[in-house]
PDB file of all heavy atoms in Angstrom:
ATOM      1  N   GLU A   1       0.795  -1.258  -0.006  1.00  0.00           N
ATOM      2  CA  GLU A   1      -0.015   0.029  -0.019  1.00  0.00           C
ATOM      3  C   GLU A   1       0.891   1.200   0.030  1.00  0.00           C
ATOM      4  O   GLU A   1       0.628   2.193  -0.717  1.00  0.00           O
ATOM      5  CB  GLU A   1      -0.937   0.035   1.191  1.00  0.00           C
ATOM      6  CG  GLU A   1      -1.957   1.091   1.055  1.00  0.00           C
ATOM      7  CD  GLU A   1      -2.956   1.040   0.007  1.00  0.00           C
ATOM      8  OE1 GLU A   1      -3.089  -0.243  -0.448  1.00  0.00           O
ATOM      9  OE2 GLU A   1      -3.597   1.975  -0.259  1.00  0.00           O
ATOM     10  N   SER A   2       1.938   1.172   0.825  1.00  0.00           N
ATOM     11  CA  SER A   2       2.783   2.315   0.780  1.00  0.00           C
ATOM     12  C   SER A   2       3.521   2.595  -0.631  1.00  0.00           C
ATOM     13  O   SER A   2       3.582   3.790  -1.004  1.00  0.00           O
ATOM     14  CB  SER A   2       3.962   2.128   1.870  1.00  0.00           C
ATOM     15  OG  SER A   2       3.396   2.064   3.115  1.00  0.00           O
ATOM     16  N   TYR A   3       3.912   1.473  -1.197  1.00  0.00           N
ATOM     17  CA  TYR A   3       4.444   1.572  -2.562  1.00  0.00           C
ATOM     18  C   TYR A   3       3.356   2.199  -3.470  1.00  0.00           C
ATOM     19  O   TYR A   3       3.817   3.044  -4.437  1.00  0.00           O
ATOM     20  CB  TYR A   3       4.950   0.269  -3.023  1.00  0.00           C
ATOM     21  CG  TYR A   3       5.391   0.181  -4.455  1.00  0.00           C
ATOM     22  CD1 TYR A   3       6.692   0.652  -4.690  1.00  0.00           C
ATOM     23  CD2 TYR A   3       4.632  -0.423  -5.483  1.00  0.00           C
ATOM     24  CE1 TYR A   3       7.238   0.537  -6.002  1.00  0.00           C
ATOM     25  CE2 TYR A   3       5.151  -0.350  -6.829  1.00  0.00           C
ATOM     26  CZ  TYR A   3       6.434   0.062  -7.027  1.00  0.00           C
ATOM     27  OH  TYR A   3       6.956   0.096  -8.207  1.00  0.00           O
ATOM     28  N   ARG A   4       2.105   1.801  -3.497  1.00  0.00           N
ATOM     29  CA  ARG A   4       1.088   2.223  -4.348  1.00  0.00           C
ATOM     30  C   ARG A   4       0.911   3.766  -4.117  1.00  0.00           C
ATOM     31  O   ARG A   4       0.830   4.533  -5.060  1.00  0.00           O
ATOM     32  CB  ARG A   4      -0.209   1.556  -4.108  1.00  0.00           C
ATOM     33  CG  ARG A   4      -0.279   0.106  -4.715  1.00  0.00           C
ATOM     34  CD  ARG A   4      -1.657  -0.293  -4.768  1.00  0.00           C
ATOM     35  NE  ARG A   4      -1.819  -1.755  -5.089  1.00  0.00           N
ATOM     36  CZ  ARG A   4      -1.781  -2.747  -4.378  1.00  0.00           C
ATOM     37  NH1 ARG A   4      -1.714  -2.490  -2.932  1.00  0.00           N
ATOM     38  NH2 ARG A   4      -1.887  -3.991  -4.665  1.00  0.00           N
ATOM     39  N   ARG A   5       0.919   4.176  -2.805  1.00  0.00           N
ATOM     40  CA  ARG A   5       0.694   5.659  -2.590  1.00  0.00           C
ATOM     41  C   ARG A   5       1.822   6.347  -3.144  1.00  0.00           C
ATOM     42  O   ARG A   5       1.723   7.443  -3.592  1.00  0.00           O
ATOM     43  CB  ARG A   5       0.486   5.844  -1.116  1.00  0.00           C
ATOM     44  CG  ARG A   5      -0.788   5.231  -0.541  1.00  0.00           C
ATOM     45  CD  ARG A   5      -0.917   5.545   0.934  1.00  0.00           C
ATOM     46  NE  ARG A   5      -2.210   5.060   1.448  1.00  0.00           N
ATOM     47  CZ  ARG A   5      -2.568   5.076   2.724  1.00  0.00           C
ATOM     48  NH1 ARG A   5      -1.773   5.595   3.709  1.00  0.00           N
ATOM     49  NH2 ARG A   5      -3.752   4.509   3.159  1.00  0.00           N
ATOM     50  N   GLU A   6       3.038   5.916  -2.890  1.00  0.00           N
ATOM     51  CA  GLU A   6       4.243   6.449  -3.300  1.00  0.00           C
ATOM     52  C   GLU A   6       4.248   6.682  -4.902  1.00  0.00           C
ATOM     53  O   GLU A   6       4.596   7.759  -5.486  1.00  0.00           O
ATOM     54  CB  GLU A   6       5.512   5.810  -2.959  1.00  0.00           C
ATOM     55  CG  GLU A   6       6.751   6.472  -3.319  1.00  0.00           C
ATOM     56  CD  GLU A   6       8.044   5.659  -3.064  1.00  0.00           C
ATOM     57  OE1 GLU A   6       7.917   4.606  -2.173  1.00  0.00           O
ATOM     58  OE2 GLU A   6       9.113   6.131  -3.429  1.00  0.00           O
ATOM     59  N   GLN A   7       3.809   5.690  -5.614  1.00  0.00           N
ATOM     60  CA  GLN A   7       3.701   5.698  -7.053  1.00  0.00           C
ATOM     61  C   GLN A   7       2.584   6.827  -7.460  1.00  0.00           C
ATOM     62  O   GLN A   7       2.885   7.422  -8.411  1.00  0.00           O
ATOM     63  CB  GLN A   7       3.371   4.300  -7.662  1.00  0.00           C
ATOM     64  CG  GLN A   7       4.415   3.252  -7.566  1.00  0.00           C
ATOM     65  CD  GLN A   7       5.597   3.718  -8.436  1.00  0.00           C
ATOM     66  OE1 GLN A   7       6.659   4.144  -7.930  1.00  0.00           O
ATOM     67  NE2 GLN A   7       5.356   3.502  -9.744  1.00  0.00           N
ATOM     68  N   THR A   8       1.599   6.842  -6.919  1.00  0.00           N
ATOM     69  CA  THR A   8       0.388   7.782  -6.988  1.00  0.00           C
ATOM     70  C   THR A   8       0.987   9.259  -6.780  1.00  0.00           C
ATOM     71  O   THR A   8       0.653  10.081  -7.685  1.00  0.00           O
ATOM     72  CB  THR A   8      -0.809   7.466  -6.178  1.00  0.00           C
ATOM     73  OG1 THR A   8      -1.248   6.240  -6.366  1.00  0.00           O
ATOM     74  CG2 THR A   8      -1.884   8.412  -6.533  1.00  0.00           C
ATOM     75  N   HIS A   9       1.583   9.385  -5.673  1.00  0.00           N
ATOM     76  CA  HIS A   9       2.134  10.769  -5.419  1.00  0.00           C
ATOM     77  C   HIS A   9       3.265  11.100  -6.346  1.00  0.00           C
ATOM     78  O   HIS A   9       3.293  12.201  -6.913  1.00  0.00           O
ATOM     79  CB  HIS A   9       2.772  10.805  -4.022  1.00  0.00           C
ATOM     80  CG  HIS A   9       1.700  10.790  -2.954  1.00  0.00           C
ATOM     81  ND1 HIS A   9       2.053  10.292  -1.595  1.00  0.00           N
ATOM     82  CD2 HIS A   9       0.371  10.765  -2.849  1.00  0.00           C
ATOM     83  CE1 HIS A   9       1.062  10.256  -0.889  1.00  0.00           C
ATOM     84  NE2 HIS A   9       0.057  10.504  -1.685  1.00  0.00           N
ATOM     85  N   ARG A  10       3.973  10.083  -6.883  1.00  0.00           N
ATOM     86  CA  ARG A  10       5.073  10.469  -7.845  1.00  0.00           C
ATOM     87  C   ARG A  10       4.294  10.819  -9.251  1.00  0.00           C
ATOM     88  O   ARG A  10       4.801  11.832  -9.890  1.00  0.00           O
ATOM     89  CB  ARG A  10       5.925   9.348  -8.124  1.00  0.00           C
ATOM     90  CG  ARG A  10       7.029   9.359  -8.971  1.00  0.00           C
ATOM     91  CD  ARG A  10       8.085   8.230  -9.086  1.00  0.00           C
ATOM     92  NE  ARG A  10       8.475   7.995  -7.755  1.00  0.00           N
ATOM     93  CZ  ARG A  10       9.267   6.877  -7.401  1.00  0.00           C
ATOM     94  NH1 ARG A  10       9.531   6.032  -8.405  1.00  0.00           N
ATOM     95  NH2 ARG A  10       9.728   6.698  -6.168  1.00  0.00           N
ATOM     96  N   GLN A  11       3.241  10.123  -9.573  1.00  0.00           N
ATOM     97  CA  GLN A  11       2.685  10.431 -10.823  1.00  0.00           C
ATOM     98  C   GLN A  11       1.891  11.831 -10.844  1.00  0.00           C
ATOM     99  O   GLN A  11       2.083  12.582 -11.827  1.00  0.00           O
ATOM    100  CB  GLN A  11       1.506   9.365 -11.201  1.00  0.00           C
ATOM    101  CG  GLN A  11       2.169   8.000 -11.610  1.00  0.00           C
ATOM    102  CD  GLN A  11       1.005   6.887 -11.813  1.00  0.00           C
ATOM    103  OE1 GLN A  11      -0.201   7.264 -11.511  1.00  0.00           O
ATOM    104  NE2 GLN A  11       1.408   5.696 -12.145  1.00  0.00           N
ATOM    105  N   VAL A  12       1.353  12.119  -9.625  1.00  0.00           N
ATOM    106  CA  VAL A  12       0.750  13.468  -9.457  1.00  0.00           C
ATOM    107  C   VAL A  12       1.811  14.618  -9.566  1.00  0.00           C
ATOM    108  O   VAL A  12       1.632  15.586 -10.181  1.00  0.00           O
ATOM    109  CB  VAL A  12      -0.004  13.534  -8.131  1.00  0.00           C
ATOM    110  CG1 VAL A  12      -0.578  14.967  -7.869  1.00  0.00           C
ATOM    111  CG2 VAL A  12      -1.183  12.650  -8.142  1.00  0.00           C
ATOM    112  N   ALA A  13       2.907  14.244  -8.905  1.00  0.00           N
ATOM    113  CA  ALA A  13       4.040  15.308  -8.950  1.00  0.00           C
ATOM    114  C   ALA A  13       4.624  15.483 -10.348  1.00  0.00           C
ATOM    115  O   ALA A  13       4.759  16.623 -10.811  1.00  0.00           O
ATOM    116  CB  ALA A  13       5.124  14.800  -7.901  1.00  0.00           C
ATOM    117  N   MET A  14       4.637  14.415 -11.122  1.00  0.00           N
ATOM    118  CA  MET A  14       5.172  14.417 -12.405  1.00  0.00           C
ATOM    119  C   MET A  14       4.194  15.305 -13.360  1.00  0.00           C
ATOM    120  O   MET A  14       4.610  16.044 -14.137  1.00  0.00           O
ATOM    121  CB  MET A  14       5.405  12.953 -12.982  1.00  0.00           C
ATOM    122  CG  MET A  14       6.635  12.264 -12.445  1.00  0.00           C
ATOM    123  SD  MET A  14       8.211  13.174 -12.653  1.00  0.00           S
ATOM    124  CE  MET A  14       8.278  13.071 -14.460  1.00  0.00           C
ATOM    125  N   GLN A  15       2.891  14.991 -13.189  1.00  0.00           N
ATOM    126  CA  GLN A  15       1.841  15.802 -13.853  1.00  0.00           C
ATOM    127  C   GLN A  15       1.931  17.171 -13.535  1.00  0.00           C
ATOM    128  O   GLN A  15       1.870  17.905 -14.509  1.00  0.00           O
ATOM    129  CB  GLN A  15       0.537  15.154 -13.645  1.00  0.00           C
ATOM    130  CG  GLN A  15       0.310  13.753 -14.218  1.00  0.00           C
ATOM    131  CD  GLN A  15      -0.994  13.104 -13.795  1.00  0.00           C
ATOM    132  OE1 GLN A  15      -1.716  13.697 -12.999  1.00  0.00           O
ATOM    133  NE2 GLN A  15      -1.281  11.939 -14.321  1.00  0.00           N
ATOM    134  N   SER A  16       2.008  17.464 -12.321  1.00  0.00           N
ATOM    135  CA  SER A  16       2.167  18.842 -11.863  1.00  0.00           C
ATOM    136  C   SER A  16       3.408  19.494 -12.446  1.00  0.00           C
ATOM    137  O   SER A  16       3.314  20.681 -12.855  1.00  0.00           O
ATOM    138  CB  SER A  16       2.092  18.961 -10.331  1.00  0.00           C
ATOM    139  OG  SER A  16       2.275  20.238 -10.004  1.00  0.00           O
ATOM    140  N   LEU A  17       4.547  18.861 -12.456  1.00  0.00           N
ATOM    141  CA  LEU A  17       5.757  19.370 -12.977  1.00  0.00           C
ATOM    142  C   LEU A  17       5.625  19.593 -14.392  1.00  0.00           C
ATOM    143  O   LEU A  17       6.028  20.723 -14.970  1.00  0.00           O
ATOM    144  CB  LEU A  17       6.906  18.380 -12.671  1.00  0.00           C
ATOM    145  CG  LEU A  17       8.332  18.833 -13.109  1.00  0.00           C
ATOM    146  CD1 LEU A  17       8.672  20.161 -12.339  1.00  0.00           C
ATOM    147  CD2 LEU A  17       9.334  17.783 -12.911  1.00  0.00           C
ATOM    148  N   GLU A  18       4.971  18.643 -15.135  1.00  0.00           N
ATOM    149  CA  GLU A  18       4.812  18.811 -16.649  1.00  0.00           C
ATOM    150  C   GLU A  18       3.957  19.994 -16.871  1.00  0.00           C
ATOM    151  O   GLU A  18       4.196  20.771 -17.934  1.00  0.00           O
ATOM    152  CB  GLU A  18       4.228  17.524 -17.205  1.00  0.00           C
ATOM    153  CG  GLU A  18       4.052  17.574 -18.762  1.00  0.00           C
ATOM    154  CD  GLU A  18       5.511  17.470 -19.400  1.00  0.00           C
ATOM    155  OE1 GLU A  18       6.426  17.136 -18.748  1.00  0.00           O
ATOM    156  OE2 GLU A  18       5.470  17.932 -20.426  1.00  0.00           O
ATOM    157  N   ALA A  19       2.837  20.229 -16.085  1.00  0.00           N
ATOM    158  CA  ALA A  19       1.991  21.340 -16.292  1.00  0.00           C
ATOM    159  C   ALA A  19       2.708  22.732 -15.976  1.00  0.00           C
ATOM    160  O   ALA A  19       2.527  23.679 -16.804  1.00  0.00           O
ATOM    161  CB  ALA A  19       0.704  21.311 -15.467  1.00  0.00           C
ATOM    162  N   THR A  20       3.494  22.667 -14.850  1.00  0.00           N
ATOM    163  CA  THR A  20       4.251  23.861 -14.551  1.00  0.00           C
ATOM    164  C   THR A  20       5.308  24.155 -15.762  1.00  0.00           C
ATOM    165  O   THR A  20       5.432  25.293 -16.168  1.00  0.00           O
ATOM    166  CB  THR A  20       5.019  23.636 -13.267  1.00  0.00           C
ATOM    167  OG1 THR A  20       4.084  23.487 -12.277  1.00  0.00           O
ATOM    168  CG2 THR A  20       5.858  24.914 -12.908  1.00  0.00           C
ATOM    169  N   LYS A  21       5.955  23.161 -16.270  1.00  0.00           N
ATOM    170  CA  LYS A  21       6.918  23.235 -17.428  1.00  0.00           C
ATOM    171  C   LYS A  21       6.186  23.894 -18.630  1.00  0.00           C
ATOM    172  O   LYS A  21       6.766  24.778 -19.314  1.00  0.00           O
ATOM    173  CB  LYS A  21       7.543  21.946 -17.738  1.00  0.00           C
ATOM    174  CG  LYS A  21       8.517  22.027 -18.868  1.00  0.00           C
ATOM    175  CD  LYS A  21       9.012  20.700 -19.303  1.00  0.00           C
ATOM    176  CE  LYS A  21       9.944  20.622 -20.450  1.00  0.00           C
ATOM    177  NZ  LYS A  21      10.609  19.328 -20.682  1.00  0.00           N
ATOM    178  N   GLN A  22       4.988  23.439 -18.933  1.00  0.00           N
ATOM    179  CA  GLN A  22       4.265  23.874 -20.059  1.00  0.00           C
ATOM    180  C   GLN A  22       3.957  25.448 -19.936  1.00  0.00           C
ATOM    181  O   GLN A  22       4.033  26.147 -20.861  1.00  0.00           O
ATOM    182  CB  GLN A  22       2.976  23.067 -20.291  1.00  0.00           C
ATOM    183  CG  GLN A  22       2.333  23.485 -21.587  1.00  0.00           C
ATOM    184  CD  GLN A  22       1.020  22.573 -21.966  1.00  0.00           C
ATOM    185  OE1 GLN A  22       0.876  21.540 -21.142  1.00  0.00           O
ATOM    186  NE2 GLN A  22       0.269  22.906 -22.773  1.00  0.00           N
ATOM    187  N   GLN A  23       3.426  25.653 -18.715  1.00  0.00           N
ATOM    188  CA  GLN A  23       3.107  27.150 -18.410  1.00  0.00           C
ATOM    189  C   GLN A  23       4.323  27.982 -18.473  1.00  0.00           C
ATOM    190  O   GLN A  23       4.185  29.171 -19.111  1.00  0.00           O
ATOM    191  CB  GLN A  23       2.538  27.204 -16.913  1.00  0.00           C
ATOM    192  CG  GLN A  23       1.144  26.580 -16.850  1.00  0.00           C
ATOM    193  CD  GLN A  23       0.583  26.700 -15.375  1.00  0.00           C
ATOM    194  OE1 GLN A  23       1.355  27.080 -14.486  1.00  0.00           O
ATOM    195  NE2 GLN A  23      -0.626  26.129 -15.062  1.00  0.00           N
ATOM    196  N   LEU A  24       5.506  27.559 -18.024  1.00  0.00           N
ATOM    197  CA  LEU A  24       6.647  28.243 -18.079  1.00  0.00           C
ATOM    198  C   LEU A  24       7.091  28.530 -19.549  1.00  0.00           C
ATOM    199  O   LEU A  24       7.498  29.632 -20.028  1.00  0.00           O
ATOM    200  CB  LEU A  24       7.757  27.650 -17.345  1.00  0.00           C
ATOM    201  CG  LEU A  24       9.201  28.297 -17.394  1.00  0.00           C
ATOM    202  CD1 LEU A  24       9.122  29.688 -16.680  1.00  0.00           C
ATOM    203  CD2 LEU A  24      10.254  27.508 -16.565  1.00  0.00           C
ATOM    204  N   GLN A  25       6.997  27.468 -20.381  1.00  0.00           N
ATOM    205  CA  GLN A  25       7.339  27.605 -21.791  1.00  0.00           C
ATOM    206  C   GLN A  25       6.297  28.667 -22.493  1.00  0.00           C
ATOM    207  O   GLN A  25       6.811  29.524 -23.328  1.00  0.00           O
ATOM    208  CB  GLN A  25       7.186  26.228 -22.515  1.00  0.00           C
ATOM    209  CG  GLN A  25       8.259  25.254 -22.162  1.00  0.00           C
ATOM    210  CD  GLN A  25       8.152  23.884 -22.793  1.00  0.00           C
ATOM    211  OE1 GLN A  25       7.034  23.564 -23.159  1.00  0.00           O
ATOM    212  NE2 GLN A  25       9.213  23.098 -22.711  1.00  0.00           N
ATOM    213  N   GLU A  26       5.139  28.461 -22.230  1.00  0.00           N
ATOM    214  CA  GLU A  26       4.174  29.488 -22.716  1.00  0.00           C
ATOM    215  C   GLU A  26       4.450  30.974 -22.271  1.00  0.00           C
ATOM    216  O   GLU A  26       4.301  31.914 -22.996  1.00  0.00           O
ATOM    217  CB  GLU A  26       2.738  29.171 -22.282  1.00  0.00           C
ATOM    218  CG  GLU A  26       2.286  27.924 -22.866  1.00  0.00           C
ATOM    219  CD  GLU A  26       0.820  27.499 -22.410  1.00  0.00           C
ATOM    220  OE1 GLU A  26       0.328  28.128 -21.528  1.00  0.00           O
ATOM    221  OE2 GLU A  26       0.348  26.488 -22.901  1.00  0.00           O
ATOM    222  N   SER A  27       4.914  31.232 -20.986  1.00  0.00           N
ATOM    223  CA  SER A  27       5.226  32.453 -20.421  1.00  0.00           C
ATOM    224  C   SER A  27       6.465  32.982 -21.206  1.00  0.00           C
ATOM    225  O   SER A  27       6.545  34.151 -21.546  1.00  0.00           O
ATOM    226  CB  SER A  27       5.384  32.344 -18.971  1.00  0.00           C
ATOM    227  OG  SER A  27       4.302  31.966 -18.305  1.00  0.00           O
ATOM    228  N   LEU A  28       7.484  32.137 -21.389  1.00  0.00           N
ATOM    229  CA  LEU A  28       8.783  32.487 -22.053  1.00  0.00           C
ATOM    230  C   LEU A  28       8.355  32.880 -23.550  1.00  0.00           C
ATOM    231  O   LEU A  28       9.021  33.851 -24.026  1.00  0.00           O
ATOM    232  CB  LEU A  28       9.669  31.366 -22.002  1.00  0.00           C
ATOM    233  CG  LEU A  28      10.372  31.061 -20.582  1.00  0.00           C
ATOM    234  CD1 LEU A  28      11.251  29.864 -20.651  1.00  0.00           C
ATOM    235  CD2 LEU A  28      11.095  32.259 -20.071  1.00  0.00           C
ATOM    236  N   ALA A  29       7.479  32.094 -24.267  1.00  0.00           N
ATOM    237  CA  ALA A  29       7.197  32.393 -25.585  1.00  0.00           C
ATOM    238  C   ALA A  29       6.498  33.748 -25.573  1.00  0.00           C
ATOM    239  O   ALA A  29       6.828  34.551 -26.501  1.00  0.00           O
ATOM    240  CB  ALA A  29       6.296  31.252 -26.104  1.00  0.00           C
ATOM    241  N   LEU A  30       5.560  33.966 -24.676  1.00  0.00           N
ATOM    242  CA  LEU A  30       4.858  35.330 -24.679  1.00  0.00           C
ATOM    243  C   LEU A  30       5.837  36.425 -24.443  1.00  0.00           C
ATOM    244  O   LEU A  30       5.820  37.440 -24.985  1.00  0.00           O
ATOM    245  CB  LEU A  30       3.865  35.263 -23.500  1.00  0.00           C
ATOM    246  CG  LEU A  30       2.994  36.598 -23.383  1.00  0.00           C
ATOM    247  CD1 LEU A  30       2.286  36.828 -24.744  1.00  0.00           C
ATOM    248  CD2 LEU A  30       2.058  36.378 -22.287  1.00  0.00           C
ATOM    249  N   ALA A  31       6.843  36.192 -23.549  1.00  0.00           N
ATOM    250  CA  ALA A  31       7.828  37.225 -23.302  1.00  0.00           C
ATOM    251  C   ALA A  31       8.742  37.509 -24.414  1.00  0.00           C
ATOM    252  O   ALA A  31       9.018  38.614 -24.758  1.00  0.00           O
ATOM    253  CB  ALA A  31       8.702  36.744 -21.956  1.00  0.00           C
ATOM    254  N   ASP A  32       8.901  36.417 -25.208  1.00  0.00           N
ATOM    255  CA  ASP A  32       9.802  36.616 -26.469  1.00  0.00           C
ATOM    256  C   ASP A  32       8.969  37.407 -27.499  1.00  0.00           C
ATOM    257  O   ASP A  32       9.574  38.330 -28.117  1.00  0.00           O
ATOM    258  CB  ASP A  32      10.247  35.248 -27.077  1.00  0.00           C
ATOM    259  CG  ASP A  32      11.309  34.579 -26.185  1.00  0.00           C
ATOM    260  OD1 ASP A  32      11.862  35.147 -25.340  1.00  0.00           O
ATOM    261  OD2 ASP A  32      11.353  33.268 -26.241  1.00  0.00           O
ATOM    262  N   ARG A  33       7.717  37.146 -27.622  1.00  0.00           N
ATOM    263  CA  ARG A  33       6.904  37.976 -28.667  1.00  0.00           C
ATOM    264  C   ARG A  33       6.704  39.348 -28.190  1.00  0.00           C
ATOM    265  O   ARG A  33       6.752  40.281 -29.050  1.00  0.00           O
ATOM    266  CB  ARG A  33       5.497  37.205 -28.773  1.00  0.00           C
ATOM    267  CG  ARG A  33       5.488  35.844 -29.364  1.00  0.00           C
ATOM    268  CD  ARG A  33       4.124  35.435 -29.730  1.00  0.00           C
ATOM    269  NE  ARG A  33       3.207  35.275 -28.620  1.00  0.00           N
ATOM    270  CZ  ARG A  33       3.068  33.998 -27.937  1.00  0.00           C
ATOM    271  NH1 ARG A  33       3.740  33.005 -28.330  1.00  0.00           N
ATOM    272  NH2 ARG A  33       2.290  33.887 -26.948  1.00  0.00           N
ATOM    273  N   ASN A  34       6.593  39.544 -26.870  1.00  0.00           N
ATOM    274  CA  ASN A  34       6.547  40.889 -26.351  1.00  0.00           C
ATOM    275  C   ASN A  34       7.867  41.760 -26.574  1.00  0.00           C
ATOM    276  O   ASN A  34       7.786  42.839 -26.948  1.00  0.00           O
ATOM    277  CB  ASN A  34       6.212  40.900 -24.864  1.00  0.00           C
ATOM    278  CG  ASN A  34       4.727  40.499 -24.658  1.00  0.00           C
ATOM    279  OD1 ASN A  34       3.887  40.542 -25.502  1.00  0.00           O
ATOM    280  ND2 ASN A  34       4.489  39.939 -23.448  1.00  0.00           N
ATOM    281  N   ALA A  35       8.996  40.958 -26.392  1.00  0.00           N
ATOM    282  CA  ALA A  35      10.280  41.516 -26.574  1.00  0.00           C
ATOM    283  C   ALA A  35      10.407  41.987 -28.121  1.00  0.00           C
ATOM    284  O   ALA A  35      10.958  43.017 -28.425  1.00  0.00           O
ATOM    285  CB  ALA A  35      11.286  40.610 -26.155  1.00  0.00           C
TER     286      ALA A  35
END
C-alpha cells in the first residue's frame, strides 16, 4: 500500500511538474513575442 501511494504521489508530482513546465514555456514564448 505504501508503494502504491508513493507511485500515485510520484505520478501526481510528475503531472504537476509537466503542467508547470508547459506554463513556463508559454510564459517564455509570450515574453519573447513581447520583446
